[in-house]
């Protein structure tokens, strides 16, 4: 099952689980952003339909423009979320590489 070396490396922080955790957290954050975008679009549509009898032009504009702006907003936020997670991941990868270099110089 588990080797003693793997457990020892895990306890001594030689093995980092942060990279795999970051990948899953990224997927969850993107899924929540997509869900928020869908809820925002549906909410705007419901509001537009409810106010259509008073100002039909604005309601139709809202029905057309809201999805476009929502998708653009989601794309921009997904880009910045990705950049943020990559910057975190780069720190861990740098740590791993520096650690390997230190181990090689000790020998």
PDB file of N, CA and C in Angstrom:
ATOM      1  N   UNK A   1       0.837  -1.179   0.000  1.00  0.00           N
ATOM      2  CA  UNK A   1       0.000   0.000   0.000  1.00  0.00           C
ATOM      3  C   UNK A   1       0.887   1.250   0.000  1.00  0.00           C
ATOM      4  N   UNK A   2       1.238   1.766   1.171  1.00  0.00           N
ATOM      5  CA  UNK A   2       2.150   2.899   1.267  1.00  0.00           C
ATOM      6  C   UNK A   2       3.507   2.398   1.719  1.00  0.00           C
ATOM      7  N   UNK A   3       4.520   2.938   1.097  1.00  0.00           N
ATOM      8  CA  UNK A   3       5.863   2.620   1.549  1.00  0.00           C
ATOM      9  C   UNK A   3       6.226   3.541   2.696  1.00  0.00           C
ATOM     10  N   UNK A   4       7.097   3.068   3.558  1.00  0.00           N
ATOM     11  CA  UNK A   4       7.511   3.876   4.697  1.00  0.00           C
ATOM     12  C   UNK A   4       8.234   5.138   4.231  1.00  0.00           C
ATOM     13  N   UNK A   5       8.945   5.037   3.126  1.00  0.00           N
ATOM     14  CA  UNK A   5       9.675   6.195   2.607  1.00  0.00           C
ATOM     15  C   UNK A   5       8.706   7.286   2.159  1.00  0.00           C
ATOM     16  N   UNK A   6       7.628   6.887   1.505  1.00  0.00           N
ATOM     17  CA  UNK A   6       6.648   7.876   1.049  1.00  0.00           C
ATOM     18  C   UNK A   6       5.980   8.563   2.230  1.00  0.00           C
ATOM     19  N   UNK A   7       5.641   7.812   3.255  1.00  0.00           N
ATOM     20  CA  UNK A   7       5.024   8.401   4.439  1.00  0.00           C
ATOM     21  C   UNK A   7       6.011   9.340   5.124  1.00  0.00           C
ATOM     22  N   UNK A   8       7.267   8.909   5.223  1.00  0.00           N
ATOM     23  CA  UNK A   8       8.295   9.750   5.846  1.00  0.00           C
ATOM     24  C   UNK A   8       8.515  11.028   5.040  1.00  0.00           C
ATOM     25  N   UNK A   9       8.560  10.913   3.715  1.00  0.00           N
ATOM     26  CA  UNK A   9       8.710  12.097   2.864  1.00  0.00           C
ATOM     27  C   UNK A   9       7.514  13.034   3.001  1.00  0.00           C
ATOM     28  N   UNK A  10       6.328  12.460   3.126  1.00  0.00           N
ATOM     29  CA  UNK A  10       5.117  13.272   3.285  1.00  0.00           C
ATOM     30  C   UNK A  10       5.132  14.015   4.611  1.00  0.00           C
ATOM     31  N   UNK A  11       5.523  13.339   5.669  1.00  0.00           N
ATOM     32  CA  UNK A  11       5.550  13.966   6.993  1.00  0.00           C
ATOM     33  C   UNK A  11       6.639  15.038   7.070  1.00  0.00           C
ATOM     34  N   UNK A  12       7.760  14.815   6.397  1.00  0.00           N
ATOM     35  CA  UNK A  12       8.868  15.775   6.425  1.00  0.00           C
ATOM     36  C   UNK A  12       8.751  16.851   5.347  1.00  0.00           C
ATOM     37  N   UNK A  13       7.631  16.911   4.652  1.00  0.00           N
ATOM     38  CA  UNK A  13       7.357  17.898   3.600  1.00  0.00           C
ATOM     39  C   UNK A  13       8.320  17.787   2.423  1.00  0.00           C
ATOM     40  N   UNK A  14       8.861  16.605   2.188  1.00  0.00           N
ATOM     41  CA  UNK A  14       9.653  16.409   0.975  1.00  0.00           C
ATOM     42  C   UNK A  14       8.736  16.219  -0.225  1.00  0.00           C
ATOM     43  N   UNK A  15       7.568  15.681   0.029  1.00  0.00           N
ATOM     44  CA  UNK A  15       6.546  15.537  -1.000  1.00  0.00           C
ATOM     45  C   UNK A  15       5.475  16.594  -0.750  1.00  0.00           C
ATOM     46  N   UNK A  16       5.214  17.409  -1.753  1.00  0.00           N
ATOM     47  CA  UNK A  16       4.218  18.467  -1.602  1.00  0.00           C
ATOM     48  C   UNK A  16       2.932  18.078  -2.328  1.00  0.00           C
ATOM     49  N   UNK A  17       1.810  18.255  -1.661  1.00  0.00           N
ATOM     50  CA  UNK A  17       0.516  17.956  -2.281  1.00  0.00           C
ATOM     51  C   UNK A  17      -0.152  19.217  -2.798  1.00  0.00           C
ATOM     52  N   UNK A  18       0.510  20.338  -2.597  1.00  0.00           N
ATOM     53  CA  UNK A  18      -0.092  21.627  -2.934  1.00  0.00           C
ATOM     54  C   UNK A  18      -0.391  21.749  -4.416  1.00  0.00           C
ATOM     55  N   UNK A  19       0.456  21.190  -5.258  1.00  0.00           N
ATOM     56  CA  UNK A  19       0.233  21.300  -6.701  1.00  0.00           C
ATOM     57  C   UNK A  19      -1.072  20.648  -7.117  1.00  0.00           C
ATOM     58  N   UNK A  20      -1.321  19.453  -6.630  1.00  0.00           N
ATOM     59  CA  UNK A  20      -2.571  18.785  -7.003  1.00  0.00           C
ATOM     60  C   UNK A  20      -3.774  19.470  -6.355  1.00  0.00           C
ATOM     61  N   UNK A  21      -3.610  19.979  -5.142  1.00  0.00           N
ATOM     62  CA  UNK A  21      -4.697  20.692  -4.486  1.00  0.00           C
ATOM     63  C   UNK A  21      -5.024  21.975  -5.249  1.00  0.00           C
ATOM     64  N   UNK A  22      -3.982  22.680  -5.719  1.00  0.00           N
ATOM     65  CA  UNK A  22      -4.201  23.912  -6.480  1.00  0.00           C
ATOM     66  C   UNK A  22      -4.987  23.645  -7.760  1.00  0.00           C
ATOM     67  N   UNK A  23      -4.707  22.526  -8.407  1.00  0.00           N
ATOM     68  CA  UNK A  23      -5.435  22.196  -9.634  1.00  0.00           C
ATOM     69  C   UNK A  23      -6.926  22.018  -9.356  1.00  0.00           C
ATOM     70  N   UNK A  24      -7.247  21.328  -8.277  1.00  0.00           N
ATOM     71  CA  UNK A  24      -8.653  21.095  -7.944  1.00  0.00           C
ATOM     72  C   UNK A  24      -9.336  22.377  -7.475  1.00  0.00           C
ATOM     73  N   UNK A  25      -8.621  23.183  -6.702  1.00  0.00           N
ATOM     74  CA  UNK A  25      -9.194  24.453  -6.250  1.00  0.00           C
ATOM     75  C   UNK A  25      -9.451  25.361  -7.450  1.00  0.00           C
ATOM     76  N   UNK A  26      -8.530  25.357  -8.416  1.00  0.00           N
ATOM     77  CA  UNK A  26      -8.721  26.152  -9.629  1.00  0.00           C
ATOM     78  C   UNK A  26      -9.990  25.720 -10.362  1.00  0.00           C
ATOM     79  N   UNK A  27     -10.181  24.427 -10.517  1.00  0.00           N
ATOM     80  CA  UNK A  27     -11.382  23.936 -11.197  1.00  0.00           C
ATOM     81  C   UNK A  27     -12.653  24.329 -10.450  1.00  0.00           C
ATOM     82  N   UNK A  28     -12.627  24.265  -9.130  1.00  0.00           N
ATOM     83  CA  UNK A  28     -13.798  24.639  -8.340  1.00  0.00           C
ATOM     84  C   UNK A  28     -14.078  26.136  -8.478  1.00  0.00           C
ATOM     85  N   UNK A  29     -13.020  26.965  -8.440  1.00  0.00           N
ATOM     86  CA  UNK A  29     -13.208  28.417  -8.556  1.00  0.00           C
ATOM     87  C   UNK A  29     -13.763  28.773  -9.935  1.00  0.00           C
ATOM     88  N   UNK A  30     -13.244  28.145 -10.981  1.00  0.00           N
ATOM     89  CA  UNK A  30     -13.747  28.402 -12.334  1.00  0.00           C
ATOM     90  C   UNK A  30     -15.201  27.945 -12.453  1.00  0.00           C
ATOM     91  N   UNK A  31     -15.532  26.801 -11.875  1.00  0.00           N
ATOM     92  CA  UNK A  31     -16.915  26.323 -11.916  1.00  0.00           C
ATOM     93  C   UNK A  31     -17.848  27.284 -11.180  1.00  0.00           C
ATOM     94  N   UNK A  32     -17.400  27.805 -10.044  1.00  0.00           N
ATOM     95  CA  UNK A  32     -18.219  28.778  -9.314  1.00  0.00           C
ATOM     96  C   UNK A  32     -18.372  30.081 -10.101  1.00  0.00           C
ATOM     97  N   UNK A  33     -17.320  30.500 -10.782  1.00  0.00           N
ATOM     98  CA  UNK A  33     -17.416  31.709 -11.611  1.00  0.00           C
ATOM     99  C   UNK A  33     -18.392  31.487 -12.764  1.00  0.00           C
ATOM    100  N   UNK A  34     -18.359  30.312 -13.375  1.00  0.00           N
ATOM    101  CA  UNK A  34     -19.295  30.002 -14.456  1.00  0.00           C
ATOM    102  C   UNK A  34     -20.730  29.963 -13.930  1.00  0.00           C
ATOM    103  N   UNK A  35     -20.914  29.359 -12.772  1.00  0.00           N
ATOM    104  CA  UNK A  35     -22.243  29.315 -12.164  1.00  0.00           C
ATOM    105  C   UNK A  35     -22.733  30.722 -11.836  1.00  0.00           C
ATOM    106  N   UNK A  36     -21.849  31.560 -11.313  1.00  0.00           N
ATOM    107  CA  UNK A  36     -22.215  32.946 -11.021  1.00  0.00           C
ATOM    108  C   UNK A  36     -22.597  33.709 -12.274  1.00  0.00           C
ATOM    109  N   UNK A  37     -21.887  33.451 -13.369  1.00  0.00           N
ATOM    110  CA  UNK A  37     -22.214  34.102 -14.637  1.00  0.00           C
ATOM    111  C   UNK A  37     -23.592  33.676 -15.124  1.00  0.00           C
ATOM    112  N   UNK A  38     -23.884  32.404 -15.036  1.00  0.00           N
ATOM    113  CA  UNK A  38     -25.191  31.896 -15.469  1.00  0.00           C
ATOM    114  C   UNK A  38     -26.309  32.480 -14.602  1.00  0.00           C
ATOM    115  N   UNK A  39     -26.088  32.533 -13.292  1.00  0.00           N
ATOM    116  CA  UNK A  39     -27.102  33.106 -12.393  1.00  0.00           C
ATOM    117  C   UNK A  39     -27.305  34.581 -12.684  1.00  0.00           C
ATOM    118  N   UNK A  40     -26.198  35.303 -12.968  1.00  0.00           N
ATOM    119  CA  UNK A  40     -26.311  36.732 -13.287  1.00  0.00           C
ATOM    120  C   UNK A  40     -27.112  36.944 -14.564  1.00  0.00           C
ATOM    121  N   UNK A  41     -26.857  36.135 -15.580  1.00  0.00           N
ATOM    122  CA  UNK A  41     -27.585  36.262 -16.846  1.00  0.00           C
ATOM    123  C   UNK A  41     -29.066  35.947 -16.648  1.00  0.00           C
ATOM    124  N   UNK A  42     -29.349  34.862 -15.948  1.00  0.00           N
ATOM    125  CA  UNK A  42     -30.754  34.494 -15.708  1.00  0.00           C
ATOM    126  C   UNK A  42     -31.477  35.553 -14.870  1.00  0.00           C
ATOM    127  N   UNK A  43     -30.800  36.106 -13.876  1.00  0.00           N
ATOM    128  CA  UNK A  43     -31.401  37.156 -13.062  1.00  0.00           C
ATOM    129  C   UNK A  43     -31.706  38.408 -13.873  1.00  0.00           C
ATOM    130  N   UNK A  44     -30.777  38.766 -14.762  1.00  0.00           N
ATOM    131  CA  UNK A  44     -31.009  39.937 -15.619  1.00  0.00           C
ATOM    132  C   UNK A  44     -32.171  39.682 -16.568  1.00  0.00           C
ATOM    133  N   UNK A  45     -32.260  38.468 -17.098  1.00  0.00           N
ATOM    134  CA  UNK A  45     -33.367  38.138 -17.994  1.00  0.00           C
ATOM    135  C   UNK A  45     -34.706  38.189 -17.266  1.00  0.00           C
ATOM    136  N   UNK A  46     -34.743  37.666 -16.052  1.00  0.00           N
ATOM    137  CA  UNK A  46     -35.987  37.688 -15.279  1.00  0.00           C
ATOM    138  C   UNK A  46     -36.396  39.131 -14.994  1.00  0.00           C
ATOM    139  N   UNK A  47     -35.426  39.961 -14.621  1.00  0.00           N
ATOM    140  CA  UNK A  47     -35.726  41.369 -14.378  1.00  0.00           C
ATOM    141  C   UNK A  47     -36.180  42.080 -15.640  1.00  0.00           C
ATOM    142  N   UNK A  48     -35.568  41.739 -16.771  1.00  0.00           N
ATOM    143  CA  UNK A  48     -35.954  42.375 -18.036  1.00  0.00           C
ATOM    144  C   UNK A  48     -37.362  41.977 -18.441  1.00  0.00           C
ATOM    145  N   UNK A  49     -37.698  40.713 -18.274  1.00  0.00           N
ATOM    146  CA  UNK A  49     -39.044  40.252 -18.636  1.00  0.00           C
ATOM    147  C   UNK A  49     -40.086  40.892 -17.702  1.00  0.00           C
ATOM    148  N   UNK A  50     -39.713  41.049 -16.432  1.00  0.00           N
ATOM    149  CA  UNK A  50     -40.655  41.648 -15.478  1.00  0.00           C
ATOM    150  C   UNK A  50     -40.921  43.115 -15.780  1.00  0.00           C
ATOM    151  N   UNK A  51     -39.943  43.813 -16.335  1.00  0.00           N
ATOM    152  CA  UNK A  51     -40.113  45.248 -16.625  1.00  0.00           C
ATOM    153  C   UNK A  51     -40.401  45.520 -18.093  1.00  0.00           C
ATOM    154  N   UNK A  52     -40.650  44.494 -18.869  1.00  0.00           N
ATOM    155  CA  UNK A  52     -40.842  44.670 -20.311  1.00  0.00           C
ATOM    156  C   UNK A  52     -42.054  45.535 -20.641  1.00  0.00           C
ATOM    157  N   UNK A  53     -43.103  45.472 -19.839  1.00  0.00           N
ATOM    158  CA  UNK A  53     -44.314  46.241 -20.175  1.00  0.00           C
ATOM    159  C   UNK A  53     -44.111  47.743 -20.001  1.00  0.00           C
ATOM    160  N   UNK A  54     -43.141  48.176 -19.191  1.00  0.00           N
ATOM    161  CA  UNK A  54     -42.892  49.611 -19.002  1.00  0.00           C
ATOM    162  C   UNK A  54     -41.881  50.168 -19.998  1.00  0.00           C
ATOM    163  N   UNK A  55     -40.856  49.370 -20.317  1.00  0.00           N
ATOM    164  CA  UNK A  55     -39.822  49.848 -21.230  1.00  0.00           C
ATOM    165  C   UNK A  55     -39.315  48.656 -22.036  1.00  0.00           C
ATOM    166  N   UNK A  56     -39.987  48.376 -23.126  1.00  0.00           N
ATOM    167  CA  UNK A  56     -39.678  47.184 -23.922  1.00  0.00           C
ATOM    168  C   UNK A  56     -38.298  47.277 -24.560  1.00  0.00           C
ATOM    169  N   UNK A  57     -37.895  48.452 -24.985  1.00  0.00           N
ATOM    170  CA  UNK A  57     -36.589  48.607 -25.628  1.00  0.00           C
ATOM    171  C   UNK A  57     -35.439  48.289 -24.694  1.00  0.00           C
ATOM    172  N   UNK A  58     -35.524  48.787 -23.473  1.00  0.00           N
ATOM    173  CA  UNK A  58     -34.478  48.512 -22.487  1.00  0.00           C
ATOM    174  C   UNK A  58     -34.461  47.033 -22.109  1.00  0.00           C
ATOM    175  N   UNK A  59     -35.630  46.428 -22.013  1.00  0.00           N
ATOM    176  CA  UNK A  59     -35.703  45.011 -21.659  1.00  0.00           C
ATOM    177  C   UNK A  59     -35.080  44.151 -22.748  1.00  0.00           C
ATOM    178  N   UNK A  60     -35.375  44.470 -24.002  1.00  0.00           N
ATOM    179  CA  UNK A  60     -34.793  43.697 -25.103  1.00  0.00           C
ATOM    180  C   UNK A  60     -33.280  43.910 -25.154  1.00  0.00           C
ATOM    181  N   UNK A  61     -32.845  45.135 -24.916  1.00  0.00           N
ATOM    182  CA  UNK A  61     -31.413  45.411 -24.858  1.00  0.00           C
ATOM    183  C   UNK A  61     -30.727  44.627 -23.750  1.00  0.00           C
ATOM    184  N   UNK A  62     -31.387  44.546 -22.603  1.00  0.00           N
ATOM    185  CA  UNK A  62     -30.843  43.783 -21.480  1.00  0.00           C
ATOM    186  C   UNK A  62     -30.760  42.300 -21.820  1.00  0.00           C
ATOM    187  N   UNK A  63     -31.787  41.794 -22.471  1.00  0.00           N
ATOM    188  CA  UNK A  63     -31.798  40.376 -22.841  1.00  0.00           C
ATOM    189  C   UNK A  63     -30.668  40.060 -23.814  1.00  0.00           C
ATOM    190  N   UNK A  64     -30.332  40.979 -24.690  1.00  0.00           N
ATOM    191  CA  UNK A  64     -29.282  40.734 -25.687  1.00  0.00           C
ATOM    192  C   UNK A  64     -27.887  41.036 -25.133  1.00  0.00           C
ATOM    193  N   UNK A  65     -27.736  42.145 -24.416  1.00  0.00           N
ATOM    194  CA  UNK A  65     -26.410  42.599 -23.999  1.00  0.00           C
ATOM    195  C   UNK A  65     -25.892  41.861 -22.763  1.00  0.00           C
ATOM    196  N   UNK A  66     -26.754  41.483 -21.850  1.00  0.00           N
ATOM    197  CA  UNK A  66     -26.311  40.833 -20.616  1.00  0.00           C
ATOM    198  C   UNK A  66     -25.503  39.564 -20.865  1.00  0.00           C
ATOM    199  N   UNK A  67     -25.930  38.635 -21.735  1.00  0.00           N
ATOM    200  CA  UNK A  67     -25.099  37.447 -21.959  1.00  0.00           C
ATOM    201  C   UNK A  67     -23.727  37.781 -22.552  1.00  0.00           C
ATOM    202  N   UNK A  68     -23.690  38.762 -23.439  1.00  0.00           N
ATOM    203  CA  UNK A  68     -22.417  39.142 -24.052  1.00  0.00           C
ATOM    204  C   UNK A  68     -21.466  39.677 -22.988  1.00  0.00           C
ATOM    205  N   UNK A  69     -21.948  40.606 -22.176  1.00  0.00           N
ATOM    206  CA  UNK A  69     -21.101  41.165 -21.118  1.00  0.00           C
ATOM    207  C   UNK A  69     -20.744  40.115 -20.063  1.00  0.00           C
ATOM    208  N   UNK A  70     -21.680  39.227 -19.763  1.00  0.00           N
ATOM    209  CA  UNK A  70     -21.402  38.165 -18.795  1.00  0.00           C
ATOM    210  C   UNK A  70     -20.321  37.221 -19.267  1.00  0.00           C
ATOM    211  N   UNK A  71     -20.373  36.846 -20.537  1.00  0.00           N
ATOM    212  CA  UNK A  71     -19.364  35.933 -21.073  1.00  0.00           C
ATOM    213  C   UNK A  71     -18.010  36.622 -21.158  1.00  0.00           C
ATOM    214  N   UNK A  72     -17.989  37.890 -21.551  1.00  0.00           N
ATOM    215  CA  UNK A  72     -16.725  38.637 -21.582  1.00  0.00           C
ATOM    216  C   UNK A  72     -16.158  38.755 -20.166  1.00  0.00           C
ATOM    217  N   UNK A  73     -17.003  39.059 -19.210  1.00  0.00           N
ATOM    218  CA  UNK A  73     -16.561  39.150 -17.815  1.00  0.00           C
ATOM    219  C   UNK A  73     -16.039  37.826 -17.296  1.00  0.00           C
ATOM    220  N   UNK A  74     -16.714  36.742 -17.646  1.00  0.00           N
ATOM    221  CA  UNK A  74     -16.248  35.419 -17.221  1.00  0.00           C
ATOM    222  C   UNK A  74     -14.895  35.103 -17.842  1.00  0.00           C
ATOM    223  N   UNK A  75     -14.714  35.410 -19.115  1.00  0.00           N
ATOM    224  CA  UNK A  75     -13.447  35.123 -19.783  1.00  0.00           C
ATOM    225  C   UNK A  75     -12.302  35.914 -19.154  1.00  0.00           C
ATOM    226  N   UNK A  76     -12.547  37.173 -18.863  1.00  0.00           N
ATOM    227  CA  UNK A  76     -11.499  38.006 -18.249  1.00  0.00           C
ATOM    228  C   UNK A  76     -11.192  37.514 -16.837  1.00  0.00           C
ATOM    229  N   UNK A  77     -12.224  37.199 -16.065  1.00  0.00           N
ATOM    230  CA  UNK A  77     -11.983  36.714 -14.708  1.00  0.00           C
ATOM    231  C   UNK A  77     -11.289  35.351 -14.727  1.00  0.00           C
ATOM    232  N   UNK A  78     -11.641  34.481 -15.668  1.00  0.00           N
ATOM    233  CA  UNK A  78     -10.969  33.186 -15.780  1.00  0.00           C
ATOM    234  C   UNK A  78      -9.490  33.376 -16.112  1.00  0.00           C
ATOM    235  N   UNK A  79      -9.186  34.350 -16.953  1.00  0.00           N
ATOM    236  CA  UNK A  79      -7.791  34.633 -17.290  1.00  0.00           C
ATOM    237  C   UNK A  79      -7.017  35.081 -16.054  1.00  0.00           C
ATOM    238  N   UNK A  80      -7.577  36.006 -15.284  1.00  0.00           N
ATOM    239  CA  UNK A  80      -6.876  36.501 -14.101  1.00  0.00           C
ATOM    240  C   UNK A  80      -6.799  35.449 -13.000  1.00  0.00           C
ATOM    241  N   UNK A  81      -7.824  34.624 -12.874  1.00  0.00           N
ATOM    242  CA  UNK A  81      -7.772  33.523 -11.907  1.00  0.00           C
ATOM    243  C   UNK A  81      -6.658  32.556 -12.302  1.00  0.00           C
ATOM    244  N   UNK A  82      -6.569  32.246 -13.591  1.00  0.00           N
ATOM    245  CA  UNK A  82      -5.519  31.351 -14.070  1.00  0.00           C
ATOM    246  C   UNK A  82      -4.135  31.937 -13.802  1.00  0.00           C
ATOM    247  N   UNK A  83      -3.955  33.216 -14.079  1.00  0.00           N
ATOM    248  CA  UNK A  83      -2.665  33.862 -13.821  1.00  0.00           C
ATOM    249  C   UNK A  83      -2.310  33.818 -12.333  1.00  0.00           C
ATOM    250  N   UNK A  84      -3.287  34.038 -11.482  1.00  0.00           N
ATOM    251  CA  UNK A  84      -3.039  33.974 -10.044  1.00  0.00           C
ATOM    252  C   UNK A  84      -2.624  32.586  -9.586  1.00  0.00           C
ATOM    253  N   UNK A  85      -3.321  31.579 -10.066  1.00  0.00           N
ATOM    254  CA  UNK A  85      -2.980  30.215  -9.678  1.00  0.00           C
ATOM    255  C   UNK A  85      -1.635  29.796 -10.262  1.00  0.00           C
ATOM    256  N   UNK A  86      -1.325  30.236 -11.475  1.00  0.00           N
ATOM    257  CA  UNK A  86      -0.019  29.918 -12.050  1.00  0.00           C
ATOM    258  C   UNK A  86       1.104  30.585 -11.270  1.00  0.00           C
ATOM    259  N   UNK A  87       0.880  31.806 -10.795  1.00  0.00           N
ATOM    260  CA  UNK A  87       1.928  32.455 -10.012  1.00  0.00           C
ATOM    261  C   UNK A  87       2.170  31.701  -8.701  1.00  0.00           C
ATOM    262  N   UNK A  88       1.106  31.189  -8.092  1.00  0.00           N
ATOM    263  CA  UNK A  88       1.286  30.350  -6.899  1.00  0.00           C
ATOM    264  C   UNK A  88       2.023  29.065  -7.231  1.00  0.00           C
ATOM    265  N   UNK A  89       1.653  28.446  -8.326  1.00  0.00           N
ATOM    266  CA  UNK A  89       2.285  27.193  -8.716  1.00  0.00           C
ATOM    267  C   UNK A  89       3.756  27.392  -9.047  1.00  0.00           C
ATOM    268  N   UNK A  90       4.104  28.513  -9.647  1.00  0.00           N
ATOM    269  CA  UNK A  90       5.499  28.802  -9.971  1.00  0.00           C
ATOM    270  C   UNK A  90       6.328  28.888  -8.699  1.00  0.00           C
ATOM    271  N   UNK A  91       5.762  29.436  -7.654  1.00  0.00           N
ATOM    272  CA  UNK A  91       6.490  29.505  -6.377  1.00  0.00           C
ATOM    273  C   UNK A  91       6.809  28.105  -5.852  1.00  0.00           C
ATOM    274  N   UNK A  92       5.866  27.202  -5.952  1.00  0.00           N
ATOM    275  CA  UNK A  92       6.114  25.844  -5.475  1.00  0.00           C
ATOM    276  C   UNK A  92       7.092  25.107  -6.380  1.00  0.00           C
ATOM    277  N   UNK A  93       7.003  25.334  -7.681  1.00  0.00           N
ATOM    278  CA  UNK A  93       7.948  24.700  -8.592  1.00  0.00           C
ATOM    279  C   UNK A  93       9.360  25.248  -8.377  1.00  0.00           C
ATOM    280  N   UNK A  94       9.471  26.531  -8.121  1.00  0.00           N
ATOM    281  CA  UNK A  94      10.777  27.119  -7.819  1.00  0.00           C
ATOM    282  C   UNK A  94      11.341  26.512  -6.543  1.00  0.00           C
ATOM    283  N   UNK A  95      10.494  26.332  -5.543  1.00  0.00           N
ATOM    284  CA  UNK A  95      10.925  25.700  -4.294  1.00  0.00           C
ATOM    285  C   UNK A  95      11.467  24.303  -4.556  1.00  0.00           C
ATOM    286  N   UNK A  96      10.752  23.539  -5.370  1.00  0.00           N
ATOM    287  CA  UNK A  96      11.181  22.174  -5.656  1.00  0.00           C
ATOM    288  C   UNK A  96      12.534  22.151  -6.372  1.00  0.00           C
ATOM    289  N   UNK A  97      12.699  23.031  -7.356  1.00  0.00           N
ATOM    290  CA  UNK A  97      13.955  23.064  -8.106  1.00  0.00           C
ATOM    291  C   UNK A  97      15.119  23.529  -7.235  1.00  0.00           C
ATOM    292  N   UNK A  98      14.909  24.537  -6.417  1.00  0.00           N
ATOM    293  CA  UNK A  98      15.968  25.011  -5.524  1.00  0.00           C
ATOM    294  C   UNK A  98      16.335  23.930  -4.521  1.00  0.00           C
ATOM    295  N   UNK A  99      15.352  23.207  -4.062  1.00  0.00           N
ATOM    296  CA  UNK A  99      15.599  22.117  -3.122  1.00  0.00           C
ATOM    297  C   UNK A  99      16.444  21.030  -3.782  1.00  0.00           C
ATOM    298  N   UNK A 100      16.163  20.700  -5.038  1.00  0.00           N
ATOM    299  CA  UNK A 100      16.955  19.707  -5.754  1.00  0.00           C
ATOM    300  C   UNK A 100      18.388  20.180  -5.964  1.00  0.00           C
ATOM    301  N   UNK A 101      18.537  21.457  -6.280  1.00  0.00           N
ATOM    302  CA  UNK A 101      19.887  22.011  -6.460  1.00  0.00           C
ATOM    303  C   UNK A 101      20.649  21.961  -5.143  1.00  0.00           C
ATOM    304  N   UNK A 102      19.992  22.274  -4.036  1.00  0.00           N
ATOM    305  CA  UNK A 102      20.645  22.215  -2.733  1.00  0.00           C
ATOM    306  C   UNK A 102      21.046  20.789  -2.377  1.00  0.00           C
ATOM    307  N   UNK A 103      20.217  19.823  -2.706  1.00  0.00           N
ATOM    308  CA  UNK A 103      20.537  18.427  -2.417  1.00  0.00           C
ATOM    309  C   UNK A 103      21.734  17.968  -3.235  1.00  0.00           C
ATOM    310  N   UNK A 104      21.825  18.426  -4.495  1.00  0.00           N
ATOM    311  CA  UNK A 104      22.958  18.047  -5.353  1.00  0.00           C
ATOM    312  C   UNK A 104      24.259  18.686  -4.871  1.00  0.00           C
ATOM    313  N   UNK A 105      24.189  19.914  -4.373  1.00  0.00           N
ATOM    314  CA  UNK A 105      25.406  20.573  -3.906  1.00  0.00           C
ATOM    315  C   UNK A 105      25.881  20.032  -2.570  1.00  0.00           C
ATOM    316  N   UNK A 106      25.000  19.433  -1.799  1.00  0.00           N
ATOM    317  CA  UNK A 106      25.400  18.826  -0.523  1.00  0.00           C
ATOM    318  C   UNK A 106      26.234  17.565  -0.753  1.00  0.00           C
ATOM    319  N   UNK A 107      25.974  16.888  -1.852  1.00  0.00           N
ATOM    320  CA  UNK A 107      26.672  15.621  -2.121  1.00  0.00           C
ATOM    321  C   UNK A 107      28.022  15.841  -2.603  1.00  0.00           C
TER     322      UNK A 107
END
